[in-house]
Amino acid sequence: MSSEKVTVFSGVSGDLRPWIAYMEFGFSLFKNLELDKLSWAKLFMDGTAKEYVKRLERISPFKSWHEMKYALLLVFCLLYTSPSPRDA
């Protein structure tokens, strides 16, 4: 049994960028097609992130990993990024 932990993104603050790096590393090893990348990414999501992707795909399905990654970064990085004291 492997001691390596599988990275799952749930929409929690602070874990999006490492999850993206983890997914892209896996994609580089297996040379996945874009639709396969989307399927794999969805398998490694749960919670708020998974629900967000489902809602977006009801409107317009993602056509590429980069499209999905951008949508996640836009919401989950902005959502959990607090302004610096200089911005106040």
PDB file of N, CA and C in Angstrom:
ATOM      1  N   MET A   1       0.843  -1.186   0.000  1.00  0.00           N
ATOM      2  CA  MET A   1       0.000   0.000   0.000  1.00  0.00           C
ATOM      3  C   MET A   1       0.887   1.247   0.000  1.00  0.00           C
ATOM      4  N   SER A   2       0.552   2.198  -0.807  1.00  0.00           N
ATOM      5  CA  SER A   2       1.359   3.419  -0.925  1.00  0.00           C
ATOM      6  C   SER A   2       1.071   4.377   0.224  1.00  0.00           C
ATOM      7  N   SER A   3       2.127   5.031   0.683  1.00  0.00           N
ATOM      8  CA  SER A   3       1.951   6.023   1.748  1.00  0.00           C
ATOM      9  C   SER A   3       1.703   7.407   1.172  1.00  0.00           C
ATOM     10  N   GLU A   4       1.729   7.514  -0.173  1.00  0.00           N
ATOM     11  CA  GLU A   4       1.513   8.804  -0.821  1.00  0.00           C
ATOM     12  C   GLU A   4       0.044   9.208  -0.696  1.00  0.00           C
ATOM     13  N   LYS A   5      -0.181  10.440  -0.323  1.00  0.00           N
ATOM     14  CA  LYS A   5      -1.537  10.946  -0.138  1.00  0.00           C
ATOM     15  C   LYS A   5      -2.058  11.538  -1.443  1.00  0.00           C
ATOM     16  N   VAL A   6      -3.260  11.158  -1.830  1.00  0.00           N
ATOM     17  CA  VAL A   6      -3.890  11.722  -3.015  1.00  0.00           C
ATOM     18  C   VAL A   6      -4.446  13.087  -2.642  1.00  0.00           C
ATOM     19  N   THR A   7      -4.175  14.074  -3.483  1.00  0.00           N
ATOM     20  CA  THR A   7      -4.611  15.435  -3.218  1.00  0.00           C
ATOM     21  C   THR A   7      -6.000  15.661  -3.798  1.00  0.00           C
ATOM     22  N   VAL A   8      -6.933  16.055  -2.940  1.00  0.00           N
ATOM     23  CA  VAL A   8      -8.308  16.350  -3.354  1.00  0.00           C
ATOM     24  C   VAL A   8      -8.586  17.806  -3.021  1.00  0.00           C
ATOM     25  N   PHE A   9      -9.159  18.536  -3.983  1.00  0.00           N
ATOM     26  CA  PHE A   9      -9.497  19.932  -3.747  1.00  0.00           C
ATOM     27  C   PHE A   9     -10.966  20.021  -3.372  1.00  0.00           C
ATOM     28  N   SER A  10     -11.243  20.669  -2.232  1.00  0.00           N
ATOM     29  CA  SER A  10     -12.623  20.765  -1.757  1.00  0.00           C
ATOM     30  C   SER A  10     -13.145  22.199  -1.705  1.00  0.00           C
ATOM     31  N   GLY A  11     -12.307  23.149  -2.097  1.00  0.00           N
ATOM     32  CA  GLY A  11     -12.741  24.542  -2.033  1.00  0.00           C
ATOM     33  C   GLY A  11     -12.274  25.230  -0.770  1.00  0.00           C
ATOM     34  N   VAL A  12     -11.417  24.552  -0.003  1.00  0.00           N
ATOM     35  CA  VAL A  12     -10.916  25.106   1.248  1.00  0.00           C
ATOM     36  C   VAL A  12      -9.752  26.040   0.962  1.00  0.00           C
ATOM     37  N   SER A  13      -9.703  27.111   1.694  1.00  0.00           N
ATOM     38  CA  SER A  13      -8.649  28.103   1.557  1.00  0.00           C
ATOM     39  C   SER A  13      -7.272  27.460   1.626  1.00  0.00           C
ATOM     40  N   GLY A  14      -6.411  27.898   0.740  1.00  0.00           N
ATOM     41  CA  GLY A  14      -5.015  27.513   0.817  1.00  0.00           C
ATOM     42  C   GLY A  14      -4.621  26.242   0.104  1.00  0.00           C
ATOM     43  N   ASP A  15      -5.560  25.463  -0.441  1.00  0.00           N
ATOM     44  CA  ASP A  15      -5.127  24.222  -1.066  1.00  0.00           C
ATOM     45  C   ASP A  15      -5.326  24.164  -2.577  1.00  0.00           C
ATOM     46  N   LEU A  16      -5.695  25.259  -3.230  1.00  0.00           N
ATOM     47  CA  LEU A  16      -5.936  25.236  -4.672  1.00  0.00           C
ATOM     48  C   LEU A  16      -4.648  25.142  -5.482  1.00  0.00           C
ATOM     49  N   ARG A  17      -3.688  26.001  -5.225  1.00  0.00           N
ATOM     50  CA  ARG A  17      -2.473  26.007  -6.048  1.00  0.00           C
ATOM     51  C   ARG A  17      -1.673  24.703  -5.946  1.00  0.00           C
ATOM     52  N   PRO A  18      -1.498  24.131  -4.756  1.00  0.00           N
ATOM     53  CA  PRO A  18      -0.823  22.826  -4.706  1.00  0.00           C
ATOM     54  C   PRO A  18      -1.621  21.739  -5.436  1.00  0.00           C
ATOM     55  N   TRP A  19      -2.935  21.813  -5.374  1.00  0.00           N
ATOM     56  CA  TRP A  19      -3.776  20.844  -6.080  1.00  0.00           C
ATOM     57  C   TRP A  19      -3.581  20.986  -7.588  1.00  0.00           C
ATOM     58  N   ILE A  20      -3.554  22.228  -8.095  1.00  0.00           N
ATOM     59  CA  ILE A  20      -3.326  22.456  -9.523  1.00  0.00           C
ATOM     60  C   ILE A  20      -1.966  21.895  -9.934  1.00  0.00           C
ATOM     61  N   ALA A  21      -0.941  22.153  -9.133  1.00  0.00           N
ATOM     62  CA  ALA A  21       0.400  21.637  -9.434  1.00  0.00           C
ATOM     63  C   ALA A  21       0.390  20.101  -9.457  1.00  0.00           C
ATOM     64  N   TYR A  22      -0.309  19.496  -8.500  1.00  0.00           N
ATOM     65  CA  TYR A  22      -0.424  18.044  -8.416  1.00  0.00           C
ATOM     66  C   TYR A  22      -1.105  17.501  -9.679  1.00  0.00           C
ATOM     67  N   MET A  23      -2.205  18.125 -10.089  1.00  0.00           N
ATOM     68  CA  MET A  23      -2.931  17.673 -11.274  1.00  0.00           C
ATOM     69  C   MET A  23      -2.074  17.822 -12.524  1.00  0.00           C
ATOM     70  N   GLU A  24      -1.417  18.956 -12.673  1.00  0.00           N
ATOM     71  CA  GLU A  24      -0.613  19.192 -13.872  1.00  0.00           C
ATOM     72  C   GLU A  24       0.596  18.255 -13.939  1.00  0.00           C
ATOM     73  N   PHE A  25       1.150  17.910 -12.782  1.00  0.00           N
ATOM     74  CA  PHE A  25       2.235  16.933 -12.764  1.00  0.00           C
ATOM     75  C   PHE A  25       1.723  15.583 -13.276  1.00  0.00           C
ATOM     76  N   GLY A  26       0.567  15.174 -12.795  1.00  0.00           N
ATOM     77  CA  GLY A  26      -0.036  13.925 -13.261  1.00  0.00           C
ATOM     78  C   GLY A  26      -0.343  13.963 -14.750  1.00  0.00           C
ATOM     79  N   PHE A  27      -0.863  15.070 -15.227  1.00  0.00           N
ATOM     80  CA  PHE A  27      -1.163  15.202 -16.651  1.00  0.00           C
ATOM     81  C   PHE A  27       0.114  15.075 -17.482  1.00  0.00           C
ATOM     82  N   SER A  28       1.206  15.650 -16.995  1.00  0.00           N
ATOM     83  CA  SER A  28       2.466  15.601 -17.750  1.00  0.00           C
ATOM     84  C   SER A  28       3.019  14.178 -17.827  1.00  0.00           C
ATOM     85  N   LEU A  29       2.760  13.369 -16.809  1.00  0.00           N
ATOM     86  CA  LEU A  29       3.234  11.985 -16.816  1.00  0.00           C
ATOM     87  C   LEU A  29       2.475  11.116 -17.803  1.00  0.00           C
ATOM     88  N   PHE A  30       1.181  11.381 -17.945  1.00  0.00           N
ATOM     89  CA  PHE A  30       0.325  10.500 -18.729  1.00  0.00           C
ATOM     90  C   PHE A  30      -0.124  11.076 -20.067  1.00  0.00           C
ATOM     91  N   LYS A  31       0.260  12.305 -20.369  1.00  0.00           N
ATOM     92  CA  LYS A  31      -0.089  12.930 -21.661  1.00  0.00           C
ATOM     93  C   LYS A  31      -1.586  12.807 -21.965  1.00  0.00           C
ATOM     94  N   ASN A  32      -2.396  13.247 -21.005  1.00  0.00           N
ATOM     95  CA  ASN A  32      -3.851  13.146 -21.139  1.00  0.00           C
ATOM     96  C   ASN A  32      -4.409  14.097 -22.194  1.00  0.00           C
ATOM     97  N   LEU A  33      -5.498  13.681 -22.827  1.00  0.00           N
ATOM     98  CA  LEU A  33      -6.265  14.565 -23.698  1.00  0.00           C
ATOM     99  C   LEU A  33      -7.035  15.553 -22.829  1.00  0.00           C
ATOM    100  N   GLU A  34      -7.467  16.667 -23.406  1.00  0.00           N
ATOM    101  CA  GLU A  34      -8.163  17.704 -22.628  1.00  0.00           C
ATOM    102  C   GLU A  34      -9.393  17.168 -21.901  1.00  0.00           C
ATOM    103  N   LEU A  35     -10.212  16.371 -22.583  1.00  0.00           N
ATOM    104  CA  LEU A  35     -11.414  15.845 -21.927  1.00  0.00           C
ATOM    105  C   LEU A  35     -11.051  14.878 -20.809  1.00  0.00           C
ATOM    106  N   ASP A  36      -9.961  14.137 -20.981  1.00  0.00           N
ATOM    107  CA  ASP A  36      -9.501  13.252 -19.908  1.00  0.00           C
ATOM    108  C   ASP A  36      -9.034  14.076 -18.710  1.00  0.00           C
ATOM    109  N   LYS A  37      -8.358  15.185 -18.974  1.00  0.00           N
ATOM    110  CA  LYS A  37      -7.893  16.058 -17.886  1.00  0.00           C
ATOM    111  C   LYS A  37      -9.076  16.563 -17.070  1.00  0.00           C
ATOM    112  N   LEU A  38     -10.140  16.956 -17.757  1.00  0.00           N
ATOM    113  CA  LEU A  38     -11.332  17.430 -17.059  1.00  0.00           C
ATOM    114  C   LEU A  38     -11.938  16.325 -16.200  1.00  0.00           C
ATOM    115  N   SER A  39     -12.022  15.136 -16.750  1.00  0.00           N
ATOM    116  CA  SER A  39     -12.578  14.002 -15.991  1.00  0.00           C
ATOM    117  C   SER A  39     -11.726  13.687 -14.772  1.00  0.00           C
ATOM    118  N   TRP A  40     -10.406  13.656 -14.949  1.00  0.00           N
ATOM    119  CA  TRP A  40      -9.515  13.389 -13.819  1.00  0.00           C
ATOM    120  C   TRP A  40      -9.622  14.472 -12.756  1.00  0.00           C
ATOM    121  N   ALA A  41      -9.649  15.723 -13.194  1.00  0.00           N
ATOM    122  CA  ALA A  41      -9.746  16.828 -12.231  1.00  0.00           C
ATOM    123  C   ALA A  41     -11.019  16.704 -11.398  1.00  0.00           C
ATOM    124  N   LYS A  42     -12.126  16.370 -12.037  1.00  0.00           N
ATOM    125  CA  LYS A  42     -13.397  16.228 -11.306  1.00  0.00           C
ATOM    126  C   LYS A  42     -13.358  15.077 -10.313  1.00  0.00           C
ATOM    127  N   LEU A  43     -12.615  14.028 -10.632  1.00  0.00           N
ATOM    128  CA  LEU A  43     -12.483  12.902  -9.703  1.00  0.00           C
ATOM    129  C   LEU A  43     -11.733  13.292  -8.433  1.00  0.00           C
ATOM    130  N   PHE A  44     -10.875  14.298  -8.540  1.00  0.00           N
ATOM    131  CA  PHE A  44     -10.066  14.740  -7.401  1.00  0.00           C
ATOM    132  C   PHE A  44     -10.612  16.017  -6.770  1.00  0.00           C
ATOM    133  N   MET A  45     -11.931  16.189  -6.856  1.00  0.00           N
ATOM    134  CA  MET A  45     -12.624  17.319  -6.225  1.00  0.00           C
ATOM    135  C   MET A  45     -13.745  16.798  -5.346  1.00  0.00           C
ATOM    136  N   ASP A  46     -14.050  17.581  -4.324  1.00  0.00           N
ATOM    137  CA  ASP A  46     -15.255  17.319  -3.550  1.00  0.00           C
ATOM    138  C   ASP A  46     -15.727  18.624  -2.915  1.00  0.00           C
ATOM    139  N   GLY A  47     -16.777  18.542  -2.149  1.00  0.00           N
ATOM    140  CA  GLY A  47     -17.279  19.707  -1.428  1.00  0.00           C
ATOM    141  C   GLY A  47     -17.687  20.880  -2.307  1.00  0.00           C
ATOM    142  N   THR A  48     -17.364  22.060  -1.839  1.00  0.00           N
ATOM    143  CA  THR A  48     -17.733  23.306  -2.507  1.00  0.00           C
ATOM    144  C   THR A  48     -17.182  23.377  -3.925  1.00  0.00           C
ATOM    145  N   ALA A  49     -15.965  22.936  -4.117  1.00  0.00           N
ATOM    146  CA  ALA A  49     -15.340  22.984  -5.446  1.00  0.00           C
ATOM    147  C   ALA A  49     -16.113  22.142  -6.451  1.00  0.00           C
ATOM    148  N   LYS A  50     -16.467  20.945  -6.058  1.00  0.00           N
ATOM    149  CA  LYS A  50     -17.205  20.052  -6.957  1.00  0.00           C
ATOM    150  C   LYS A  50     -18.575  20.633  -7.298  1.00  0.00           C
ATOM    151  N   GLU A  51     -19.252  21.173  -6.307  1.00  0.00           N
ATOM    152  CA  GLU A  51     -20.568  21.785  -6.542  1.00  0.00           C
ATOM    153  C   GLU A  51     -20.459  22.995  -7.467  1.00  0.00           C
ATOM    154  N   TYR A  52     -19.424  23.803  -7.285  1.00  0.00           N
ATOM    155  CA  TYR A  52     -19.206  24.979  -8.129  1.00  0.00           C
ATOM    156  C   TYR A  52     -19.008  24.557  -9.587  1.00  0.00           C
ATOM    157  N   VAL A  53     -18.186  23.556  -9.811  1.00  0.00           N
ATOM    158  CA  VAL A  53     -17.936  23.079 -11.173  1.00  0.00           C
ATOM    159  C   VAL A  53     -19.218  22.524 -11.786  1.00  0.00           C
ATOM    160  N   LYS A  54     -19.994  21.773 -11.019  1.00  0.00           N
ATOM    161  CA  LYS A  54     -21.265  21.239 -11.521  1.00  0.00           C
ATOM    162  C   LYS A  54     -22.206  22.361 -11.950  1.00  0.00           C
ATOM    163  N   ARG A  55     -22.299  23.406 -11.113  1.00  0.00           N
ATOM    164  CA  ARG A  55     -23.180  24.535 -11.453  1.00  0.00           C
ATOM    165  C   ARG A  55     -22.738  25.220 -12.739  1.00  0.00           C
ATOM    166  N   LEU A  56     -21.441  25.452 -12.872  1.00  0.00           N
ATOM    167  CA  LEU A  56     -20.933  26.091 -14.091  1.00  0.00           C
ATOM    168  C   LEU A  56     -21.182  25.226 -15.321  1.00  0.00           C
ATOM    169  N   GLU A  57     -21.006  23.924 -15.175  1.00  0.00           N
ATOM    170  CA  GLU A  57     -21.166  23.040 -16.329  1.00  0.00           C
ATOM    171  C   GLU A  57     -22.618  22.875 -16.755  1.00  0.00           C
ATOM    172  N   ARG A  58     -23.557  23.149 -15.871  1.00  0.00           N
ATOM    173  CA  ARG A  58     -24.966  23.153 -16.280  1.00  0.00           C
ATOM    174  C   ARG A  58     -25.230  24.284 -17.268  1.00  0.00           C
ATOM    175  N   ILE A  59     -24.485  25.374 -17.111  1.00  0.00           N
ATOM    176  CA  ILE A  59     -24.636  26.532 -18.002  1.00  0.00           C
ATOM    177  C   ILE A  59     -23.853  26.311 -19.288  1.00  0.00           C
ATOM    178  N   SER A  60     -22.582  25.952 -19.143  1.00  0.00           N
ATOM    179  CA  SER A  60     -21.716  25.738 -20.292  1.00  0.00           C
ATOM    180  C   SER A  60     -20.566  24.816 -19.888  1.00  0.00           C
ATOM    181  N   PRO A  61     -20.525  23.600 -20.433  1.00  0.00           N
ATOM    182  CA  PRO A  61     -19.461  22.655 -20.058  1.00  0.00           C
ATOM    183  C   PRO A  61     -18.066  23.197 -20.386  1.00  0.00           C
ATOM    184  N   PHE A  62     -17.114  22.875 -19.543  1.00  0.00           N
ATOM    185  CA  PHE A  62     -15.735  23.273 -19.801  1.00  0.00           C
ATOM    186  C   PHE A  62     -15.221  22.528 -21.026  1.00  0.00           C
ATOM    187  N   LYS A  63     -14.415  23.220 -21.824  1.00  0.00           N
ATOM    188  CA  LYS A  63     -13.845  22.629 -23.029  1.00  0.00           C
ATOM    189  C   LYS A  63     -12.382  22.237 -22.837  1.00  0.00           C
ATOM    190  N   SER A  64     -11.766  22.740 -21.764  1.00  0.00           N
ATOM    191  CA  SER A  64     -10.361  22.427 -21.523  1.00  0.00           C
ATOM    192  C   SER A  64     -10.037  22.530 -20.034  1.00  0.00           C
ATOM    193  N   TRP A  65      -8.919  21.903 -19.669  1.00  0.00           N
ATOM    194  CA  TRP A  65      -8.405  21.991 -18.308  1.00  0.00           C
ATOM    195  C   TRP A  65      -8.088  23.440 -17.961  1.00  0.00           C
ATOM    196  N   HIS A  66      -7.499  24.169 -18.898  1.00  0.00           N
ATOM    197  CA  HIS A  66      -7.138  25.562 -18.625  1.00  0.00           C
ATOM    198  C   HIS A  66      -8.370  26.414 -18.326  1.00  0.00           C
ATOM    199  N   GLU A  67      -9.454  26.144 -19.006  1.00  0.00           N
ATOM    200  CA  GLU A  67     -10.708  26.861 -18.755  1.00  0.00           C
ATOM    201  C   GLU A  67     -11.221  26.576 -17.341  1.00  0.00           C
ATOM    202  N   MET A  68     -11.192  25.301 -16.949  1.00  0.00           N
ATOM    203  CA  MET A  68     -11.640  24.931 -15.605  1.00  0.00           C
ATOM    204  C   MET A  68     -10.707  25.516 -14.545  1.00  0.00           C
ATOM    205  N   LYS A  69      -9.410  25.411 -14.784  1.00  0.00           N
ATOM    206  CA  LYS A  69      -8.415  25.921 -13.836  1.00  0.00           C
ATOM    207  C   LYS A  69      -8.599  27.427 -13.622  1.00  0.00           C
ATOM    208  N   TYR A  70      -8.823  28.166 -14.705  1.00  0.00           N
ATOM    209  CA  TYR A  70      -9.031  29.609 -14.602  1.00  0.00           C
ATOM    210  C   TYR A  70     -10.276  29.919 -13.771  1.00  0.00           C
ATOM    211  N   ALA A  71     -11.361  29.187 -14.015  1.00  0.00           N
ATOM    212  CA  ALA A  71     -12.606  29.415 -13.264  1.00  0.00           C
ATOM    213  C   ALA A  71     -12.392  29.146 -11.771  1.00  0.00           C
ATOM    214  N   LEU A  72     -11.673  28.095 -11.449  1.00  0.00           N
ATOM    215  CA  LEU A  72     -11.402  27.778 -10.044  1.00  0.00           C
ATOM    216  C   LEU A  72     -10.505  28.834  -9.402  1.00  0.00           C
ATOM    217  N   LEU A  73      -9.465  29.246 -10.118  1.00  0.00           N
ATOM    218  CA  LEU A  73      -8.573  30.283  -9.585  1.00  0.00           C
ATOM    219  C   LEU A  73      -9.320  31.586  -9.354  1.00  0.00           C
ATOM    220  N   LEU A  74     -10.172  31.926 -10.300  1.00  0.00           N
ATOM    221  CA  LEU A  74     -10.921  33.174 -10.212  1.00  0.00           C
ATOM    222  C   LEU A  74     -11.779  33.216  -8.954  1.00  0.00           C
ATOM    223  N   VAL A  75     -12.444  32.138  -8.655  1.00  0.00           N
ATOM    224  CA  VAL A  75     -13.340  32.113  -7.498  1.00  0.00           C
ATOM    225  C   VAL A  75     -12.611  31.786  -6.204  1.00  0.00           C
ATOM    226  N   PHE A  76     -11.868  30.701  -6.184  1.00  0.00           N
ATOM    227  CA  PHE A  76     -11.311  30.243  -4.922  1.00  0.00           C
ATOM    228  C   PHE A  76     -10.071  31.015  -4.475  1.00  0.00           C
ATOM    229  N   CYS A  77      -9.310  31.576  -5.389  1.00  0.00           N
ATOM    230  CA  CYS A  77      -8.171  32.398  -4.960  1.00  0.00           C
ATOM    231  C   CYS A  77      -8.635  33.790  -4.556  1.00  0.00           C
ATOM    232  N   LEU A  78      -9.574  34.358  -5.297  1.00  0.00           N
ATOM    233  CA  LEU A  78     -10.085  35.680  -4.934  1.00  0.00           C
ATOM    234  C   LEU A  78     -10.925  35.621  -3.671  1.00  0.00           C
ATOM    235  N   LEU A  79     -11.652  34.528  -3.512  1.00  0.00           N
ATOM    236  CA  LEU A  79     -12.529  34.371  -2.354  1.00  0.00           C
ATOM    237  C   LEU A  79     -11.740  34.357  -1.048  1.00  0.00           C
ATOM    238  N   TYR A  80     -10.577  33.715  -1.079  1.00  0.00           N
ATOM    239  CA  TYR A  80      -9.800  33.557   0.150  1.00  0.00           C
ATOM    240  C   TYR A  80      -8.610  34.500   0.256  1.00  0.00           C
ATOM    241  N   THR A  81      -8.478  35.416  -0.691  1.00  0.00           N
ATOM    242  CA  THR A  81      -7.388  36.378  -0.621  1.00  0.00           C
ATOM    243  C   THR A  81      -7.895  37.626   0.071  1.00  0.00           C
ATOM    244  N   SER A  82      -7.301  37.938   1.178  1.00  0.00           N
ATOM    245  CA  SER A  82      -7.728  39.146   1.892  1.00  0.00           C
ATOM    246  C   SER A  82      -6.845  40.309   1.459  1.00  0.00           C
ATOM    247  N   PRO A  83      -7.398  41.504   1.422  1.00  0.00           N
ATOM    248  CA  PRO A  83      -6.600  42.666   1.028  1.00  0.00           C
ATOM    249  C   PRO A  83      -5.489  42.919   2.031  1.00  0.00           C
ATOM    250  N   SER A  84      -4.394  43.418   1.529  1.00  0.00           N
ATOM    251  CA  SER A  84      -3.293  43.751   2.430  1.00  0.00           C
ATOM    252  C   SER A  84      -3.609  45.041   3.155  1.00  0.00           C
ATOM    253  N   PRO A  85      -2.951  45.306   4.299  1.00  0.00           N
ATOM    254  CA  PRO A  85      -3.211  46.529   5.042  1.00  0.00           C
ATOM    255  C   PRO A  85      -2.954  47.792   4.204  1.00  0.00           C
ATOM    256  N   ARG A  86      -2.046  47.685   3.230  1.00  0.00           N
ATOM    257  CA  ARG A  86      -1.779  48.847   2.365  1.00  0.00           C
ATOM    258  C   ARG A  86      -2.964  49.187   1.482  1.00  0.00           C
ATOM    259  N   ASP A  87      -3.796  48.184   1.151  1.00  0.00           N
ATOM    260  CA  ASP A  87      -4.956  48.422   0.277  1.00  0.00           C
ATOM    261  C   ASP A  87      -6.103  49.090   1.000  1.00  0.00           C
ATOM    262  N   ALA A  88      -6.076  49.124   2.324  1.00  0.00           N
ATOM    263  CA  ALA A  88      -7.182  49.678   3.104  1.00  0.00           C
ATOM    264  C   ALA A  88      -7.189  51.174   3.097  1.00  0.00           C
TER     265      ALA A  88
END
